[in-house]
Amino acid sequence: MTRQDDDAFNRLERVLAEAYQLRSEPVLGPELARDVMRDIHAPSPVRNGAIERSVWQVALVAAGFAAVFTATALWYAGTEEGAGATLVAEEFDEVSGLGD
């Protein structure tokens, strides 16, 4: 570290120590409990369902893509061109058995 870095670090340490000493202790009492309960029961963006709707929409789109992919793969496997893909898949199964 350079001298300039040391000076900046010492200055930061001094400022943080002063801020720690100047902070006030929280007043524990009925007002604090009431404020905490009000914050807990306040409406939040999560409760209005925006996030849940977004998650379901993304899941629906993903399921749609999966269904289209599966249908395309099944259709392709049933064609003459897909027969070659089936043979290649069988070869991979045989090769994977060599490592056992």
PDB file of N, CA and C in Angstrom:
ATOM      1  N   MET A   1       0.842  -1.183   0.000  1.00  0.00           N
ATOM      2  CA  MET A   1       0.000   0.000   0.000  1.00  0.00           C
ATOM      3  C   MET A   1       0.883   1.240   0.000  1.00  0.00           C
ATOM      4  N   THR A   2       0.419   2.249  -0.652  1.00  0.00           N
ATOM      5  CA  THR A   2       1.165   3.504  -0.681  1.00  0.00           C
ATOM      6  C   THR A   2       0.757   4.368   0.504  1.00  0.00           C
ATOM      7  N   ARG A   3       1.519   5.398   0.689  1.00  0.00           N
ATOM      8  CA  ARG A   3       1.214   6.327   1.780  1.00  0.00           C
ATOM      9  C   ARG A   3      -0.139   6.973   1.580  1.00  0.00           C
ATOM     10  N   GLN A   4      -0.485   7.245   0.337  1.00  0.00           N
ATOM     11  CA  GLN A   4      -1.777   7.872   0.043  1.00  0.00           C
ATOM     12  C   GLN A   4      -2.919   6.912   0.415  1.00  0.00           C
ATOM     13  N   ASP A   5      -2.734   5.640   0.130  1.00  0.00           N
ATOM     14  CA  ASP A   5      -3.751   4.654   0.501  1.00  0.00           C
ATOM     15  C   ASP A   5      -3.877   4.541   2.015  1.00  0.00           C
ATOM     16  N   ASP A   6      -2.747   4.573   2.706  1.00  0.00           N
ATOM     17  CA  ASP A   6      -2.776   4.505   4.167  1.00  0.00           C
ATOM     18  C   ASP A   6      -3.508   5.708   4.754  1.00  0.00           C
ATOM     19  N   ASP A   7      -3.262   6.893   4.206  1.00  0.00           N
ATOM     20  CA  ASP A   7      -3.935   8.098   4.694  1.00  0.00           C
ATOM     21  C   ASP A   7      -5.441   8.003   4.457  1.00  0.00           C
ATOM     22  N   ALA A   8      -5.838   7.530   3.285  1.00  0.00           N
ATOM     23  CA  ALA A   8      -7.262   7.397   2.982  1.00  0.00           C
ATOM     24  C   ALA A   8      -7.899   6.373   3.914  1.00  0.00           C
ATOM     25  N   PHE A   9      -7.203   5.266   4.166  1.00  0.00           N
ATOM     26  CA  PHE A   9      -7.721   4.245   5.064  1.00  0.00           C
ATOM     27  C   PHE A   9      -7.872   4.789   6.482  1.00  0.00           C
ATOM     28  N   ASN A  10      -6.880   5.498   6.962  1.00  0.00           N
ATOM     29  CA  ASN A  10      -6.944   6.077   8.314  1.00  0.00           C
ATOM     30  C   ASN A  10      -8.065   7.096   8.425  1.00  0.00           C
ATOM     31  N   ARG A  11      -8.247   7.902   7.398  1.00  0.00           N
ATOM     32  CA  ARG A  11      -9.320   8.899   7.401  1.00  0.00           C
ATOM     33  C   ARG A  11     -10.683   8.197   7.436  1.00  0.00           C
ATOM     34  N   LEU A  12     -10.842   7.153   6.632  1.00  0.00           N
ATOM     35  CA  LEU A  12     -12.089   6.403   6.610  1.00  0.00           C
ATOM     36  C   LEU A  12     -12.354   5.759   7.971  1.00  0.00           C
ATOM     37  N   GLU A  13     -11.325   5.195   8.563  1.00  0.00           N
ATOM     38  CA  GLU A  13     -11.482   4.570   9.875  1.00  0.00           C
ATOM     39  C   GLU A  13     -11.912   5.594  10.913  1.00  0.00           C
ATOM     40  N   ARG A  14     -11.328   6.777  10.876  1.00  0.00           N
ATOM     41  CA  ARG A  14     -11.658   7.841  11.823  1.00  0.00           C
ATOM     42  C   ARG A  14     -13.112   8.285  11.660  1.00  0.00           C
ATOM     43  N   VAL A  15     -13.553   8.448  10.389  1.00  0.00           N
ATOM     44  CA  VAL A  15     -14.928   8.886  10.123  1.00  0.00           C
ATOM     45  C   VAL A  15     -15.923   7.831  10.584  1.00  0.00           C
ATOM     46  N   LEU A  16     -15.642   6.566  10.322  1.00  0.00           N
ATOM     47  CA  LEU A  16     -16.546   5.504  10.751  1.00  0.00           C
ATOM     48  C   LEU A  16     -16.606   5.403  12.273  1.00  0.00           C
ATOM     49  N   ALA A  17     -15.490   5.579  12.954  1.00  0.00           N
ATOM     50  CA  ALA A  17     -15.480   5.536  14.416  1.00  0.00           C
ATOM     51  C   ALA A  17     -16.300   6.681  14.988  1.00  0.00           C
ATOM     52  N   GLU A  18     -16.184   7.873  14.409  1.00  0.00           N
ATOM     53  CA  GLU A  18     -16.979   9.025  14.870  1.00  0.00           C
ATOM     54  C   GLU A  18     -18.464   8.789  14.630  1.00  0.00           C
ATOM     55  N   ALA A  19     -18.806   8.243  13.488  1.00  0.00           N
ATOM     56  CA  ALA A  19     -20.211   7.969  13.187  1.00  0.00           C
ATOM     57  C   ALA A  19     -20.778   6.943  14.160  1.00  0.00           C
ATOM     58  N   TYR A  20     -19.983   5.953  14.529  1.00  0.00           N
ATOM     59  CA  TYR A  20     -20.430   4.937  15.474  1.00  0.00           C
ATOM     60  C   TYR A  20     -20.685   5.557  16.841  1.00  0.00           C
ATOM     61  N   GLN A  21     -19.825   6.476  17.255  1.00  0.00           N
ATOM     62  CA  GLN A  21     -19.984   7.099  18.563  1.00  0.00           C
ATOM     63  C   GLN A  21     -21.159   8.070  18.588  1.00  0.00           C
ATOM     64  N   LEU A  22     -21.489   8.683  17.456  1.00  0.00           N
ATOM     65  CA  LEU A  22     -22.565   9.670  17.415  1.00  0.00           C
ATOM     66  C   LEU A  22     -23.953   9.049  17.260  1.00  0.00           C
ATOM     67  N   ARG A  23     -24.029   7.774  16.928  1.00  0.00           N
ATOM     68  CA  ARG A  23     -25.351   7.175  16.715  1.00  0.00           C
ATOM     69  C   ARG A  23     -26.095   7.114  18.037  1.00  0.00           C
ATOM     70  N   SER A  24     -27.406   7.208  17.928  1.00  0.00           N
ATOM     71  CA  SER A  24     -28.216   7.178  19.140  1.00  0.00           C
ATOM     72  C   SER A  24     -28.776   5.771  19.337  1.00  0.00           C
ATOM     73  N   GLU A  25     -29.030   5.448  20.574  1.00  0.00           N
ATOM     74  CA  GLU A  25     -29.602   4.144  20.892  1.00  0.00           C
ATOM     75  C   GLU A  25     -31.094   4.170  20.540  1.00  0.00           C
ATOM     76  N   PRO A  26     -31.607   3.088  19.971  1.00  0.00           N
ATOM     77  CA  PRO A  26     -33.037   3.060  19.658  1.00  0.00           C
ATOM     78  C   PRO A  26     -33.866   3.017  20.938  1.00  0.00           C
ATOM     79  N   VAL A  27     -34.991   3.698  20.904  1.00  0.00           N
ATOM     80  CA  VAL A  27     -35.884   3.712  22.056  1.00  0.00           C
ATOM     81  C   VAL A  27     -36.830   2.527  21.912  1.00  0.00           C
ATOM     82  N   LEU A  28     -36.679   1.575  22.800  1.00  0.00           N
ATOM     83  CA  LEU A  28     -37.524   0.389  22.768  1.00  0.00           C
ATOM     84  C   LEU A  28     -38.778   0.667  23.575  1.00  0.00           C
ATOM     85  N   GLY A  29     -39.902   0.557  22.916  1.00  0.00           N
ATOM     86  CA  GLY A  29     -41.159   0.826  23.604  1.00  0.00           C
ATOM     87  C   GLY A  29     -42.336   0.548  22.702  1.00  0.00           C
ATOM     88  N   PRO A  30     -43.507   0.983  23.127  1.00  0.00           N
ATOM     89  CA  PRO A  30     -44.722   0.701  22.364  1.00  0.00           C
ATOM     90  C   PRO A  30     -44.730   1.367  20.980  1.00  0.00           C
ATOM     91  N   GLU A  31     -44.122   2.535  20.870  1.00  0.00           N
ATOM     92  CA  GLU A  31     -44.102   3.215  19.567  1.00  0.00           C
ATOM     93  C   GLU A  31     -43.289   2.422  18.548  1.00  0.00           C
ATOM     94  N   LEU A  32     -42.144   1.889  18.968  1.00  0.00           N
ATOM     95  CA  LEU A  32     -41.321   1.088  18.074  1.00  0.00           C
ATOM     96  C   LEU A  32     -42.065  -0.176  17.657  1.00  0.00           C
ATOM     97  N   ALA A  33     -42.724  -0.830  18.599  1.00  0.00           N
ATOM     98  CA  ALA A  33     -43.485  -2.043  18.285  1.00  0.00           C
ATOM     99  C   ALA A  33     -44.609  -1.721  17.305  1.00  0.00           C
ATOM    100  N   ARG A  34     -45.297  -0.599  17.506  1.00  0.00           N
ATOM    101  CA  ARG A  34     -46.385  -0.200  16.608  1.00  0.00           C
ATOM    102  C   ARG A  34     -45.842   0.089  15.206  1.00  0.00           C
ATOM    103  N   ASP A  35     -44.719   0.782  15.137  1.00  0.00           N
ATOM    104  CA  ASP A  35     -44.132   1.094  13.832  1.00  0.00           C
ATOM    105  C   ASP A  35     -43.688  -0.173  13.101  1.00  0.00           C
ATOM    106  N   VAL A  36     -43.106  -1.121  13.835  1.00  0.00           N
ATOM    107  CA  VAL A  36     -42.675  -2.372  13.219  1.00  0.00           C
ATOM    108  C   VAL A  36     -43.876  -3.143  12.700  1.00  0.00           C
ATOM    109  N   MET A  37     -44.932  -3.231  13.495  1.00  0.00           N
ATOM    110  CA  MET A  37     -46.130  -3.960  13.072  1.00  0.00           C
ATOM    111  C   MET A  37     -46.785  -3.271  11.871  1.00  0.00           C
ATOM    112  N   ARG A  38     -46.767  -1.942  11.834  1.00  0.00           N
ATOM    113  CA  ARG A  38     -47.326  -1.220  10.687  1.00  0.00           C
ATOM    114  C   ARG A  38     -46.528  -1.540   9.427  1.00  0.00           C
ATOM    115  N   ASP A  39     -45.210  -1.594   9.550  1.00  0.00           N
ATOM    116  CA  ASP A  39     -44.376  -1.929   8.389  1.00  0.00           C
ATOM    117  C   ASP A  39     -44.600  -3.364   7.931  1.00  0.00           C
ATOM    118  N   ILE A  40     -44.808  -4.259   8.881  1.00  0.00           N
ATOM    119  CA  ILE A  40     -45.036  -5.658   8.518  1.00  0.00           C
ATOM    120  C   ILE A  40     -46.345  -5.816   7.764  1.00  0.00           C
ATOM    121  N   HIS A  41     -47.384  -5.106   8.206  1.00  0.00           N
ATOM    122  CA  HIS A  41     -48.704  -5.261   7.599  1.00  0.00           C
ATOM    123  C   HIS A  41     -48.942  -4.334   6.417  1.00  0.00           C
ATOM    124  N   ALA A  42     -47.982  -3.507   6.082  1.00  0.00           N
ATOM    125  CA  ALA A  42     -48.145  -2.588   4.942  1.00  0.00           C
ATOM    126  C   ALA A  42     -48.162  -3.392   3.640  1.00  0.00           C
ATOM    127  N   PRO A  43     -48.958  -2.952   2.681  1.00  0.00           N
ATOM    128  CA  PRO A  43     -48.972  -3.672   1.401  1.00  0.00           C
ATOM    129  C   PRO A  43     -47.611  -3.571   0.716  1.00  0.00           C
ATOM    130  N   SER A  44     -47.223  -4.663   0.098  1.00  0.00           N
ATOM    131  CA  SER A  44     -45.947  -4.681  -0.597  1.00  0.00           C
ATOM    132  C   SER A  44     -46.174  -5.122  -2.035  1.00  0.00           C
ATOM    133  N   PRO A  45     -45.216  -4.863  -2.929  1.00  0.00           N
ATOM    134  CA  PRO A  45     -45.400  -5.269  -4.318  1.00  0.00           C
ATOM    135  C   PRO A  45     -45.510  -6.782  -4.481  1.00  0.00           C
ATOM    136  N   VAL A  46     -44.960  -7.544  -3.558  1.00  0.00           N
ATOM    137  CA  VAL A  46     -45.023  -8.995  -3.665  1.00  0.00           C
ATOM    138  C   VAL A  46     -46.448  -9.473  -3.393  1.00  0.00           C
ATOM    139  N   ARG A  47     -47.134  -8.819  -2.493  1.00  0.00           N
ATOM    140  CA  ARG A  47     -48.468  -9.257  -2.124  1.00  0.00           C
ATOM    141  C   ARG A  47     -49.510  -8.962  -3.190  1.00  0.00           C
ATOM    142  N   ASN A  48     -49.246  -8.024  -4.089  1.00  0.00           N
ATOM    143  CA  ASN A  48     -50.277  -7.711  -5.079  1.00  0.00           C
ATOM    144  C   ASN A  48     -50.282  -8.716  -6.225  1.00  0.00           C
ATOM    145  N   GLY A  49     -49.376  -9.669  -6.218  1.00  0.00           N
ATOM    146  CA  GLY A  49     -49.405 -10.743  -7.188  1.00  0.00           C
ATOM    147  C   GLY A  49     -48.634 -10.481  -8.467  1.00  0.00           C
ATOM    148  N   ALA A  50     -47.953  -9.363  -8.583  1.00  0.00           N
ATOM    149  CA  ALA A  50     -47.225  -9.061  -9.816  1.00  0.00           C
ATOM    150  C   ALA A  50     -46.111 -10.074 -10.055  1.00  0.00           C
ATOM    151  N   ILE A  51     -45.393 -10.416  -9.031  1.00  0.00           N
ATOM    152  CA  ILE A  51     -44.282 -11.348  -9.192  1.00  0.00           C
ATOM    153  C   ILE A  51     -44.817 -12.753  -9.480  1.00  0.00           C
ATOM    154  N   GLU A  52     -45.882 -13.142  -8.750  1.00  0.00           N
ATOM    155  CA  GLU A  52     -46.450 -14.469  -8.982  1.00  0.00           C
ATOM    156  C   GLU A  52     -46.951 -14.607 -10.413  1.00  0.00           C
ATOM    157  N   ARG A  53     -47.619 -13.580 -10.914  1.00  0.00           N
ATOM    158  CA  ARG A  53     -48.101 -13.619 -12.304  1.00  0.00           C
ATOM    159  C   ARG A  53     -46.937 -13.739 -13.270  1.00  0.00           C
ATOM    160  N   SER A  54     -45.865 -13.015 -13.022  1.00  0.00           N
ATOM    161  CA  SER A  54     -44.702 -13.080 -13.913  1.00  0.00           C
ATOM    162  C   SER A  54     -44.091 -14.475 -13.906  1.00  0.00           C
ATOM    163  N   VAL A  55     -43.989 -15.086 -12.741  1.00  0.00           N
ATOM    164  CA  VAL A  55     -43.429 -16.433 -12.645  1.00  0.00           C
ATOM    165  C   VAL A  55     -44.287 -17.414 -13.421  1.00  0.00           C
ATOM    166  N   TRP A  56     -45.607 -17.327 -13.274  1.00  0.00           N
ATOM    167  CA  TRP A  56     -46.494 -18.233 -13.996  1.00  0.00           C
ATOM    168  C   TRP A  56     -46.427 -18.004 -15.498  1.00  0.00           C
ATOM    169  N   GLN A  57     -46.297 -16.753 -15.911  1.00  0.00           N
ATOM    170  CA  GLN A  57     -46.196 -16.472 -17.346  1.00  0.00           C
ATOM    171  C   GLN A  57     -44.915 -17.061 -17.928  1.00  0.00           C
ATOM    172  N   VAL A  58     -43.808 -16.907 -17.221  1.00  0.00           N
ATOM    173  CA  VAL A  58     -42.540 -17.466 -17.693  1.00  0.00           C
ATOM    174  C   VAL A  58     -42.627 -18.991 -17.728  1.00  0.00           C
ATOM    175  N   ALA A  59     -43.242 -19.581 -16.709  1.00  0.00           N
ATOM    176  CA  ALA A  59     -43.392 -21.039 -16.677  1.00  0.00           C
ATOM    177  C   ALA A  59     -44.266 -21.520 -17.832  1.00  0.00           C
ATOM    178  N   LEU A  60     -45.304 -20.775 -18.153  1.00  0.00           N
ATOM    179  CA  LEU A  60     -46.181 -21.141 -19.261  1.00  0.00           C
ATOM    180  C   LEU A  60     -45.437 -21.101 -20.590  1.00  0.00           C
ATOM    181  N   VAL A  61     -44.641 -20.065 -20.803  1.00  0.00           N
ATOM    182  CA  VAL A  61     -43.857 -19.955 -22.037  1.00  0.00           C
ATOM    183  C   VAL A  61     -42.833 -21.088 -22.118  1.00  0.00           C
ATOM    184  N   ALA A  62     -42.167 -21.388 -21.005  1.00  0.00           N
ATOM    185  CA  ALA A  62     -41.184 -22.470 -20.994  1.00  0.00           C
ATOM    186  C   ALA A  62     -41.853 -23.811 -21.284  1.00  0.00           C
ATOM    187  N   ALA A  63     -43.020 -24.042 -20.716  1.00  0.00           N
ATOM    188  CA  ALA A  63     -43.742 -25.291 -20.976  1.00  0.00           C
ATOM    189  C   ALA A  63     -44.161 -25.365 -22.442  1.00  0.00           C
ATOM    190  N   GLY A  64     -44.544 -24.236 -23.017  1.00  0.00           N
ATOM    191  CA  GLY A  64     -44.896 -24.208 -24.445  1.00  0.00           C
ATOM    192  C   GLY A  64     -43.717 -24.576 -25.318  1.00  0.00           C
ATOM    193  N   PHE A  65     -42.560 -23.995 -25.028  1.00  0.00           N
ATOM    194  CA  PHE A  65     -41.358 -24.332 -25.799  1.00  0.00           C
ATOM    195  C   PHE A  65     -41.011 -25.817 -25.648  1.00  0.00           C
ATOM    196  N   ALA A  66     -41.121 -26.331 -24.433  1.00  0.00           N
ATOM    197  CA  ALA A  66     -40.816 -27.748 -24.202  1.00  0.00           C
ATOM    198  C   ALA A  66     -41.777 -28.637 -24.976  1.00  0.00           C
ATOM    199  N   ALA A  67     -43.053 -28.277 -25.012  1.00  0.00           N
ATOM    200  CA  ALA A  67     -44.040 -29.075 -25.737  1.00  0.00           C
ATOM    201  C   ALA A  67     -43.760 -29.048 -27.241  1.00  0.00           C
ATOM    202  N   VAL A  68     -43.441 -27.874 -27.768  1.00  0.00           N
ATOM    203  CA  VAL A  68     -43.137 -27.767 -29.202  1.00  0.00           C
ATOM    204  C   VAL A  68     -41.878 -28.568 -29.530  1.00  0.00           C
ATOM    205  N   PHE A  69     -40.860 -28.477 -28.701  1.00  0.00           N
ATOM    206  CA  PHE A  69     -39.629 -29.216 -28.930  1.00  0.00           C
ATOM    207  C   PHE A  69     -39.880 -30.721 -28.897  1.00  0.00           C
ATOM    208  N   THR A  70     -40.645 -31.165 -27.908  1.00  0.00           N
ATOM    209  CA  THR A  70     -40.937 -32.598 -27.793  1.00  0.00           C
ATOM    210  C   THR A  70     -41.737 -33.092 -28.990  1.00  0.00           C
ATOM    211  N   ALA A  71     -42.754 -32.314 -29.380  1.00  0.00           N
ATOM    212  CA  ALA A  71     -43.568 -32.716 -30.532  1.00  0.00           C
ATOM    213  C   ALA A  71     -42.724 -32.767 -31.800  1.00  0.00           C
ATOM    214  N   THR A  72     -41.855 -31.801 -31.986  1.00  0.00           N
ATOM    215  CA  THR A  72     -40.988 -31.777 -33.158  1.00  0.00           C
ATOM    216  C   THR A  72     -40.034 -32.965 -33.142  1.00  0.00           C
ATOM    217  N   ALA A  73     -39.467 -33.274 -31.993  1.00  0.00           N
ATOM    218  CA  ALA A  73     -38.537 -34.407 -31.887  1.00  0.00           C
ATOM    219  C   ALA A  73     -39.255 -35.718 -32.182  1.00  0.00           C
ATOM    220  N   LEU A  74     -40.462 -35.872 -31.647  1.00  0.00           N
ATOM    221  CA  LEU A  74     -41.219 -37.101 -31.906  1.00  0.00           C
ATOM    222  C   LEU A  74     -41.609 -37.216 -33.377  1.00  0.00           C
ATOM    223  N   TRP A  75     -42.003 -36.103 -33.957  1.00  0.00           N
ATOM    224  CA  TRP A  75     -42.380 -36.118 -35.382  1.00  0.00           C
ATOM    225  C   TRP A  75     -41.157 -36.449 -36.238  1.00  0.00           C
ATOM    226  N   TYR A  76     -40.023 -35.827 -35.904  1.00  0.00           N
ATOM    227  CA  TYR A  76     -38.801 -36.047 -36.676  1.00  0.00           C
ATOM    228  C   TYR A  76     -38.326 -37.492 -36.536  1.00  0.00           C
ATOM    229  N   ALA A  77     -38.484 -38.087 -35.372  1.00  0.00           N
ATOM    230  CA  ALA A  77     -38.052 -39.467 -35.156  1.00  0.00           C
ATOM    231  C   ALA A  77     -38.914 -40.439 -35.964  1.00  0.00           C
ATOM    232  N   GLY A  78     -40.134 -40.047 -36.287  1.00  0.00           N
ATOM    233  CA  GLY A  78     -41.011 -40.916 -37.058  1.00  0.00           C
ATOM    234  C   GLY A  78     -40.793 -40.821 -38.548  1.00  0.00           C
ATOM    235  N   THR A  79     -39.999 -39.890 -39.051  1.00  0.00           N
ATOM    236  CA  THR A  79     -39.756 -39.733 -40.481  1.00  0.00           C
ATOM    237  C   THR A  79     -38.552 -40.553 -40.896  1.00  0.00           C
ATOM    238  N   GLU A  80     -38.355 -40.655 -42.205  1.00  0.00           N
ATOM    239  CA  GLU A  80     -37.193 -41.393 -42.751  1.00  0.00           C
ATOM    240  C   GLU A  80     -35.896 -40.743 -42.289  1.00  0.00           C
ATOM    241  N   GLU A  81     -35.872 -39.401 -42.271  1.00  0.00           N
ATOM    242  CA  GLU A  81     -34.653 -38.699 -41.842  1.00  0.00           C
ATOM    243  C   GLU A  81     -34.386 -38.951 -40.366  1.00  0.00           C
ATOM    244  N   GLY A  82     -35.445 -39.090 -39.587  1.00  0.00           N
ATOM    245  CA  GLY A  82     -35.302 -39.332 -38.158  1.00  0.00           C
ATOM    246  C   GLY A  82     -34.760 -40.701 -37.846  1.00  0.00           C
ATOM    247  N   ALA A  83     -34.902 -41.638 -38.794  1.00  0.00           N
ATOM    248  CA  ALA A  83     -34.375 -42.989 -38.557  1.00  0.00           C
ATOM    249  C   ALA A  83     -32.862 -42.943 -38.383  1.00  0.00           C
ATOM    250  N   GLY A  84     -32.189 -42.078 -39.126  1.00  0.00           N
ATOM    251  CA  GLY A  84     -30.742 -41.927 -38.973  1.00  0.00           C
ATOM    252  C   GLY A  84     -30.389 -41.402 -37.595  1.00  0.00           C
ATOM    253  N   ALA A  85     -31.221 -40.483 -37.085  1.00  0.00           N
ATOM    254  CA  ALA A  85     -30.975 -39.946 -35.748  1.00  0.00           C
ATOM    255  C   ALA A  85     -31.131 -41.041 -34.699  1.00  0.00           C
ATOM    256  N   THR A  86     -32.082 -41.937 -34.919  1.00  0.00           N
ATOM    257  CA  THR A  86     -32.273 -43.038 -33.978  1.00  0.00           C
ATOM    258  C   THR A  86     -31.054 -43.953 -33.972  1.00  0.00           C
ATOM    259  N   LEU A  87     -30.503 -44.218 -35.152  1.00  0.00           N
ATOM    260  CA  LEU A  87     -29.308 -45.064 -35.218  1.00  0.00           C
ATOM    261  C   LEU A  87     -28.126 -44.409 -34.514  1.00  0.00           C
ATOM    262  N   VAL A  88     -27.986 -43.095 -34.684  1.00  0.00           N
ATOM    263  CA  VAL A  88     -26.896 -42.382 -34.013  1.00  0.00           C
ATOM    264  C   VAL A  88     -27.091 -42.462 -32.505  1.00  0.00           C
ATOM    265  N   ALA A  89     -28.327 -42.312 -32.046  1.00  0.00           N
ATOM    266  CA  ALA A  89     -28.592 -42.392 -30.612  1.00  0.00           C
ATOM    267  C   ALA A  89     -28.245 -43.774 -30.084  1.00  0.00           C
ATOM    268  N   GLU A  90     -28.542 -44.820 -30.849  1.00  0.00           N
ATOM    269  CA  GLU A  90     -28.202 -46.167 -30.421  1.00  0.00           C
ATOM    270  C   GLU A  90     -26.690 -46.350 -30.344  1.00  0.00           C
ATOM    271  N   GLU A  91     -25.950 -45.735 -31.280  1.00  0.00           N
ATOM    272  CA  GLU A  91     -24.496 -45.829 -31.233  1.00  0.00           C
ATOM    273  C   GLU A  91     -23.943 -45.165 -29.982  1.00  0.00           C
ATOM    274  N   PHE A  92     -24.526 -44.042 -29.593  1.00  0.00           N
ATOM    275  CA  PHE A  92     -24.067 -43.378 -28.380  1.00  0.00           C
ATOM    276  C   PHE A  92     -24.350 -44.241 -27.160  1.00  0.00           C
ATOM    277  N   ASP A  93     -25.460 -44.948 -27.169  1.00  0.00           N
ATOM    278  CA  ASP A  93     -25.748 -45.836 -26.055  1.00  0.00           C
ATOM    279  C   ASP A  93     -24.704 -46.946 -25.964  1.00  0.00           C
ATOM    280  N   GLU A  94     -24.301 -47.473 -27.128  1.00  0.00           N
ATOM    281  CA  GLU A  94     -23.296 -48.530 -27.127  1.00  0.00           C
ATOM    282  C   GLU A  94     -21.948 -48.013 -26.662  1.00  0.00           C
ATOM    283  N   VAL A  95     -21.578 -46.812 -27.069  1.00  0.00           N
ATOM    284  CA  VAL A  95     -20.288 -46.235 -26.677  1.00  0.00           C
ATOM    285  C   VAL A  95     -20.282 -45.948 -25.187  1.00  0.00           C
ATOM    286  N   SER A  96     -21.410 -45.470 -24.649  1.00  0.00           N
ATOM    287  CA  SER A  96     -21.426 -45.172 -23.215  1.00  0.00           C
ATOM    288  C   SER A  96     -21.280 -46.437 -22.397  1.00  0.00           C
ATOM    289  N   GLY A  97     -21.639 -47.611 -22.956  1.00  0.00           N
ATOM    290  CA  GLY A  97     -21.482 -48.867 -22.243  1.00  0.00           C
ATOM    291  C   GLY A  97     -20.042 -49.300 -22.122  1.00  0.00           C
ATOM    292  N   LEU A  98     -19.154 -48.744 -22.930  1.00  0.00           N
ATOM    293  CA  LEU A  98     -17.748 -49.144 -22.877  1.00  0.00           C
ATOM    294  C   LEU A  98     -17.076 -48.690 -21.591  1.00  0.00           C
ATOM    295  N   GLY A  99     -17.525 -47.584 -21.033  1.00  0.00           N
ATOM    296  CA  GLY A  99     -16.881 -47.043 -19.834  1.00  0.00           C
ATOM    297  C   GLY A  99     -17.297 -47.750 -18.570  1.00  0.00           C
ATOM    298  N   ASP A 100     -18.297 -48.597 -18.633  1.00  0.00           N
ATOM    299  CA  ASP A 100     -18.794 -49.271 -17.419  1.00  0.00           C
ATOM    300  C   ASP A 100     -17.903 -50.366 -16.954  1.00  0.00           C
TER     301      ASP A 100
END
